[in-house]
Amino acid sequence: MNKMKMREVIESGFKVTLSEENSFRFCESSAYQSLSGLSLKEMDVGWWNTTNSKLFLLELKGQEIWREFDKSEDFAYKHLVTAIKGKVTDVLLMLAAVWVKTGIGNELKAHIPNPVHQYRGEGSIKFIFLIDTPASRQSLLLPVKDAINKQLAGRVRLFGVKHVTLINFDVAQKMGLPIERQA
């Protein structure tokens, strides 16, 4: 019996465990690496969820983000909104390059699961930003989430995505995401 090879991604105090066959990291692709110095951003991990036929793209942010809020809430808020907006936009551009089969897109395609090689239709992509948020900071997530979704609405809807999801660890667990805290 073949044992399924697993991918472990450890970032920002979290560990994500996924099957290697259904998951990917743009940062591991030489095509992405050749472009990353050109202001192109990626997300920590992506995977094709075979249960609901959906592409999940996940970014993990640790509690260090809250230290930035303590230094300057206005700056940290704007930085977080800008960073998330950039990551979502750039990932959509990379996926579009795969789907329209540009030269770089074909190179990226070699590093992503087969079901992601073509656009799968409305509602088939889910962007999730997991921000390690203590209870005392929960109220700060909603305005960030609202601002991000307002600024990204047109871009994500071009790809059939209704909204970008910002969650804390408790919500990630309730959603059944393959995430645990790293000790």
C-alpha atoms as a PDB file:
ATOM      1  CA  MET A   1       0.000   0.000   0.000  1.00  0.00           C
ATOM      2  CA  ASN A   2       1.409   3.405  -0.996  1.00  0.00           C
ATOM      3  CA  LYS A   3       1.605   5.947   1.767  1.00  0.00           C
ATOM      4  CA  MET A   4       0.473   9.403   0.702  1.00  0.00           C
ATOM      5  CA  LYS A   5       3.340  11.904   0.720  1.00  0.00           C
ATOM      6  CA  MET A   6       2.534  14.886   2.881  1.00  0.00           C
ATOM      7  CA  ARG A   7       3.675  18.497   2.722  1.00  0.00           C
ATOM      8  CA  GLU A   8       4.192  20.407   5.953  1.00  0.00           C
ATOM      9  CA  VAL A   9       4.321  24.176   5.841  1.00  0.00           C
ATOM     10  CA  ILE A  10       5.462  25.897   9.001  1.00  0.00           C
ATOM     11  CA  GLU A  11       4.941  29.662   9.035  1.00  0.00           C
ATOM     12  CA  SER A  12       4.155  32.310  11.642  1.00  0.00           C
ATOM     13  CA  GLY A  13       3.590  29.836  14.466  1.00  0.00           C
ATOM     14  CA  PHE A  14       1.296  27.525  12.485  1.00  0.00           C
ATOM     15  CA  LYS A  15       1.738  24.178  10.777  1.00  0.00           C
ATOM     16  CA  VAL A  16      -0.322  23.242   7.731  1.00  0.00           C
ATOM     17  CA  THR A  17      -0.303  19.586   6.647  1.00  0.00           C
ATOM     18  CA  LEU A  18      -1.579  18.669   3.193  1.00  0.00           C
ATOM     19  CA  SER A  19      -1.106  15.928   0.643  1.00  0.00           C
ATOM     20  CA  GLU A  20       1.785  16.759  -1.641  1.00  0.00           C
ATOM     21  CA  GLU A  21      -0.241  15.667  -4.649  1.00  0.00           C
ATOM     22  CA  ASN A  22      -2.985  18.254  -4.066  1.00  0.00           C
ATOM     23  CA  SER A  23      -0.938  21.149  -2.667  1.00  0.00           C
ATOM     24  CA  PHE A  24       1.664  23.614  -3.874  1.00  0.00           C
ATOM     25  CA  ARG A  25       3.750  26.600  -2.974  1.00  0.00           C
ATOM     26  CA  PHE A  26       4.529  29.143  -5.661  1.00  0.00           C
ATOM     27  CA  CYS A  27       7.728  29.981  -3.763  1.00  0.00           C
ATOM     28  CA  GLU A  28       9.084  26.501  -4.629  1.00  0.00           C
ATOM     29  CA  SER A  29       8.716  27.105  -8.361  1.00  0.00           C
ATOM     30  CA  SER A  30      11.791  28.306 -10.239  1.00  0.00           C
ATOM     31  CA  ALA A  31       9.435  30.310 -12.483  1.00  0.00           C
ATOM     32  CA  TYR A  32       8.131  32.200  -9.460  1.00  0.00           C
ATOM     33  CA  GLN A  33      11.626  32.567  -8.011  1.00  0.00           C
ATOM     34  CA  SER A  34      12.756  34.239 -11.240  1.00  0.00           C
ATOM     35  CA  LEU A  35       9.988  36.840 -10.806  1.00  0.00           C
ATOM     36  CA  SER A  36       9.855  37.302  -7.035  1.00  0.00           C
ATOM     37  CA  GLY A  37      12.473  40.057  -7.077  1.00  0.00           C
ATOM     38  CA  LEU A  38      10.200  41.998  -9.422  1.00  0.00           C
ATOM     39  CA  SER A  39       7.584  42.865  -6.769  1.00  0.00           C
ATOM     40  CA  LEU A  40       5.534  39.719  -7.352  1.00  0.00           C
ATOM     41  CA  LYS A  41       4.084  38.233  -4.163  1.00  0.00           C
ATOM     42  CA  GLU A  42       2.710  34.783  -3.401  1.00  0.00           C
ATOM     43  CA  MET A  43       0.743  33.182  -0.604  1.00  0.00           C
ATOM     44  CA  ASP A  44       2.109  30.599   1.835  1.00  0.00           C
ATOM     45  CA  VAL A  45       0.325  27.557   0.433  1.00  0.00           C
ATOM     46  CA  GLY A  46      -2.384  26.524  -1.985  1.00  0.00           C
ATOM     47  CA  TRP A  47      -4.287  23.270  -2.369  1.00  0.00           C
ATOM     48  CA  TRP A  48      -7.039  21.701  -4.359  1.00  0.00           C
ATOM     49  CA  ASN A  49      -9.774  20.502  -2.019  1.00  0.00           C
ATOM     50  CA  THR A  50     -11.137  17.373  -3.670  1.00  0.00           C
ATOM     51  CA  THR A  51     -14.150  17.259  -1.335  1.00  0.00           C
ATOM     52  CA  ASN A  52     -15.683  20.512  -2.565  1.00  0.00           C
ATOM     53  CA  SER A  53     -13.711  21.037  -5.824  1.00  0.00           C
ATOM     54  CA  LYS A  54     -12.260  24.326  -4.674  1.00  0.00           C
ATOM     55  CA  LEU A  55      -8.817  25.919  -4.797  1.00  0.00           C
ATOM     56  CA  PHE A  56      -7.776  27.206  -1.366  1.00  0.00           C
ATOM     57  CA  LEU A  57      -5.022  29.800  -1.062  1.00  0.00           C
ATOM     58  CA  LEU A  58      -3.790  30.461   2.455  1.00  0.00           C
ATOM     59  CA  GLU A  59      -1.575  33.110   4.014  1.00  0.00           C
ATOM     60  CA  LEU A  60      -0.495  32.798   7.631  1.00  0.00           C
ATOM     61  CA  LYS A  61       0.226  35.827   9.808  1.00  0.00           C
ATOM     62  CA  GLY A  62       1.501  35.499  13.369  1.00  0.00           C
ATOM     63  CA  GLN A  63       0.963  37.684  16.393  1.00  0.00           C
ATOM     64  CA  GLU A  64       3.895  39.897  15.393  1.00  0.00           C
ATOM     65  CA  ILE A  65       1.414  41.884  13.299  1.00  0.00           C
ATOM     66  CA  TRP A  66      -0.117  43.189  16.523  1.00  0.00           C
ATOM     67  CA  ARG A  67       3.214  44.662  17.616  1.00  0.00           C
ATOM     68  CA  GLU A  68       3.014  46.812  14.501  1.00  0.00           C
ATOM     69  CA  PHE A  69      -0.490  47.906  15.510  1.00  0.00           C
ATOM     70  CA  ASP A  70       0.904  48.906  18.903  1.00  0.00           C
ATOM     71  CA  LYS A  71       3.595  51.042  17.237  1.00  0.00           C
ATOM     72  CA  SER A  72       1.217  52.741  14.840  1.00  0.00           C
ATOM     73  CA  GLU A  73      -2.284  51.400  14.338  1.00  0.00           C
ATOM     74  CA  ASP A  74      -2.856  53.569  11.262  1.00  0.00           C
ATOM     75  CA  PHE A  75       0.392  52.464   9.587  1.00  0.00           C
ATOM     76  CA  ALA A  76      -0.084  48.783  10.449  1.00  0.00           C
ATOM     77  CA  TYR A  77      -3.692  48.839   9.223  1.00  0.00           C
ATOM     78  CA  LYS A  78      -2.706  50.378   5.880  1.00  0.00           C
ATOM     79  CA  HIS A  79       0.274  48.042   5.547  1.00  0.00           C
ATOM     80  CA  LEU A  80      -1.847  44.947   6.190  1.00  0.00           C
ATOM     81  CA  VAL A  81      -4.543  46.044   3.738  1.00  0.00           C
ATOM     82  CA  THR A  82      -1.928  46.861   1.073  1.00  0.00           C
ATOM     83  CA  ALA A  83      -0.018  43.607   1.617  1.00  0.00           C
ATOM     84  CA  ILE A  84      -3.136  41.448   1.379  1.00  0.00           C
ATOM     85  CA  LYS A  85      -4.397  43.339  -1.659  1.00  0.00           C
ATOM     86  CA  GLY A  86      -1.047  42.798  -3.374  1.00  0.00           C
ATOM     87  CA  LYS A  87      -0.883  39.101  -2.566  1.00  0.00           C
ATOM     88  CA  VAL A  88      -4.392  38.377  -3.837  1.00  0.00           C
ATOM     89  CA  THR A  89      -3.836  40.384  -7.014  1.00  0.00           C
ATOM     90  CA  ASP A  90      -0.476  38.752  -7.751  1.00  0.00           C
ATOM     91  CA  VAL A  91      -1.757  35.220  -7.122  1.00  0.00           C
ATOM     92  CA  LEU A  92      -4.696  35.851  -9.457  1.00  0.00           C
ATOM     93  CA  LEU A  93      -2.256  37.083 -12.103  1.00  0.00           C
ATOM     94  CA  MET A  94      -0.099  33.964 -11.722  1.00  0.00           C
ATOM     95  CA  LEU A  95      -3.143  31.720 -11.987  1.00  0.00           C
ATOM     96  CA  ALA A  96      -4.340  33.647 -15.043  1.00  0.00           C
ATOM     97  CA  ALA A  97      -0.900  33.125 -16.629  1.00  0.00           C
ATOM     98  CA  VAL A  98      -1.320  29.370 -16.050  1.00  0.00           C
ATOM     99  CA  TRP A  99      -4.818  29.365 -17.503  1.00  0.00           C
ATOM    100  CA  VAL A 100      -3.959  31.373 -20.628  1.00  0.00           C
ATOM    101  CA  LYS A 101      -0.782  29.318 -21.074  1.00  0.00           C
ATOM    102  CA  THR A 102       1.902  31.986 -21.250  1.00  0.00           C
ATOM    103  CA  GLY A 103       5.516  30.782 -21.169  1.00  0.00           C
ATOM    104  CA  ILE A 104       5.882  31.548 -17.455  1.00  0.00           C
ATOM    105  CA  GLY A 105       2.363  30.242 -16.876  1.00  0.00           C
ATOM    106  CA  ASN A 106       3.346  26.876 -18.334  1.00  0.00           C
ATOM    107  CA  GLU A 107       6.382  26.786 -16.043  1.00  0.00           C
ATOM    108  CA  LEU A 108       4.187  27.571 -13.024  1.00  0.00           C
ATOM    109  CA  LYS A 109       1.694  24.933 -14.150  1.00  0.00           C
ATOM    110  CA  ALA A 110       4.310  22.221 -13.645  1.00  0.00           C
ATOM    111  CA  HIS A 111       4.270  22.972  -9.890  1.00  0.00           C
ATOM    112  CA  ILE A 112       0.533  23.014  -9.207  1.00  0.00           C
ATOM    113  CA  PRO A 113      -2.029  20.176  -8.988  1.00  0.00           C
ATOM    114  CA  ASN A 114      -3.731  19.083 -12.215  1.00  0.00           C
ATOM    115  CA  PRO A 115      -7.219  20.322 -11.249  1.00  0.00           C
ATOM    116  CA  VAL A 116      -5.789  23.861 -10.974  1.00  0.00           C
ATOM    117  CA  HIS A 117      -4.386  23.821 -14.522  1.00  0.00           C
ATOM    118  CA  GLN A 118      -7.599  25.366 -15.776  1.00  0.00           C
ATOM    119  CA  TYR A 119     -10.103  27.834 -14.381  1.00  0.00           C
ATOM    120  CA  ARG A 120     -12.863  25.864 -12.652  1.00  0.00           C
ATOM    121  CA  GLY A 121     -15.619  28.480 -12.678  1.00  0.00           C
ATOM    122  CA  GLU A 122     -17.492  30.780 -10.334  1.00  0.00           C
ATOM    123  CA  GLY A 123     -16.917  30.089  -6.660  1.00  0.00           C
ATOM    124  CA  SER A 124     -14.003  27.706  -7.223  1.00  0.00           C
ATOM    125  CA  ILE A 125     -11.330  29.842  -5.501  1.00  0.00           C
ATOM    126  CA  LYS A 126     -11.101  30.695  -1.797  1.00  0.00           C
ATOM    127  CA  PHE A 127      -8.577  33.193  -0.400  1.00  0.00           C
ATOM    128  CA  ILE A 128      -7.967  32.842   3.336  1.00  0.00           C
ATOM    129  CA  PHE A 129      -5.766  35.006   5.532  1.00  0.00           C
ATOM    130  CA  LEU A 130      -5.280  33.464   8.949  1.00  0.00           C
ATOM    131  CA  ILE A 131      -4.137  36.115  11.413  1.00  0.00           C
ATOM    132  CA  ASP A 132      -3.190  34.878  14.875  1.00  0.00           C
ATOM    133  CA  THR A 133      -5.443  37.196  16.831  1.00  0.00           C
ATOM    134  CA  PRO A 134      -5.788  37.341  20.599  1.00  0.00           C
ATOM    135  CA  ALA A 135      -9.311  37.978  21.902  1.00  0.00           C
ATOM    136  CA  SER A 136      -8.330  41.523  22.890  1.00  0.00           C
ATOM    137  CA  ARG A 137      -7.609  42.316  19.202  1.00  0.00           C
ATOM    138  CA  GLN A 138     -10.624  40.663  17.564  1.00  0.00           C
ATOM    139  CA  SER A 139     -12.373  43.990  17.006  1.00  0.00           C
ATOM    140  CA  LEU A 140      -9.484  45.148  14.787  1.00  0.00           C
ATOM    141  CA  LEU A 141      -9.991  42.355  12.246  1.00  0.00           C
ATOM    142  CA  LEU A 142     -13.416  43.459  11.005  1.00  0.00           C
ATOM    143  CA  PRO A 143     -12.358  46.910   9.709  1.00  0.00           C
ATOM    144  CA  VAL A 144      -9.325  45.347   7.982  1.00  0.00           C
ATOM    145  CA  LYS A 145     -11.531  42.674   6.424  1.00  0.00           C
ATOM    146  CA  ASP A 146     -14.041  45.285   5.241  1.00  0.00           C
ATOM    147  CA  ALA A 147     -11.322  47.502   3.736  1.00  0.00           C
ATOM    148  CA  ILE A 148      -9.659  44.591   1.929  1.00  0.00           C
ATOM    149  CA  ASN A 149     -12.902  43.354   0.467  1.00  0.00           C
ATOM    150  CA  LYS A 150     -13.881  46.845  -0.619  1.00  0.00           C
ATOM    151  CA  GLN A 151     -10.547  47.403  -2.369  1.00  0.00           C
ATOM    152  CA  LEU A 152     -10.439  43.944  -3.962  1.00  0.00           C
ATOM    153  CA  ALA A 153     -14.105  43.577  -4.936  1.00  0.00           C
ATOM    154  CA  GLY A 154     -13.672  44.213  -8.653  1.00  0.00           C
ATOM    155  CA  ARG A 155     -10.524  42.135  -9.009  1.00  0.00           C
ATOM    156  CA  VAL A 156     -11.755  39.034  -7.213  1.00  0.00           C
ATOM    157  CA  ARG A 157     -15.175  39.113  -8.841  1.00  0.00           C
ATOM    158  CA  LEU A 158     -13.492  38.907 -12.249  1.00  0.00           C
ATOM    159  CA  PHE A 159     -12.502  35.391 -11.107  1.00  0.00           C
ATOM    160  CA  GLY A 160     -15.812  34.456  -9.495  1.00  0.00           C
ATOM    161  CA  VAL A 161     -14.622  35.079  -5.920  1.00  0.00           C
ATOM    162  CA  LYS A 162     -17.214  36.816  -3.741  1.00  0.00           C
ATOM    163  CA  HIS A 163     -14.858  37.912  -0.969  1.00  0.00           C
ATOM    164  CA  VAL A 164     -11.527  37.407   0.746  1.00  0.00           C
ATOM    165  CA  THR A 165     -11.691  35.685   4.127  1.00  0.00           C
ATOM    166  CA  LEU A 166      -9.811  36.954   7.202  1.00  0.00           C
ATOM    167  CA  ILE A 167      -9.984  34.605  10.165  1.00  0.00           C
ATOM    168  CA  ASN A 168      -8.362  33.764  13.463  1.00  0.00           C
ATOM    169  CA  PHE A 169      -7.185  30.313  14.517  1.00  0.00           C
ATOM    170  CA  ASP A 170     -10.472  29.373  16.227  1.00  0.00           C
ATOM    171  CA  VAL A 171     -12.417  30.028  13.035  1.00  0.00           C
ATOM    172  CA  ALA A 172      -9.816  28.097  11.000  1.00  0.00           C
ATOM    173  CA  GLN A 173     -10.402  25.076  13.217  1.00  0.00           C
ATOM    174  CA  LYS A 174     -14.182  25.407  12.921  1.00  0.00           C
ATOM    175  CA  MET A 175     -13.771  25.531   9.132  1.00  0.00           C
ATOM    176  CA  GLY A 176     -11.847  22.252   9.302  1.00  0.00           C
ATOM    177  CA  LEU A 177      -8.689  23.711   7.774  1.00  0.00           C
ATOM    178  CA  PRO A 178      -5.607  21.458   8.100  1.00  0.00           C
ATOM    179  CA  ILE A 179      -3.869  23.849  10.501  1.00  0.00           C
ATOM    180  CA  GLU A 180      -2.471  23.472  13.987  1.00  0.00           C
ATOM    181  CA  ARG A 181      -0.480  25.719  16.240  1.00  0.00           C
ATOM    182  CA  GLN A 182       3.233  25.073  16.151  1.00  0.00           C
ATOM    183  CA  ALA A 183       4.730  24.800  19.611  1.00  0.00           C
END
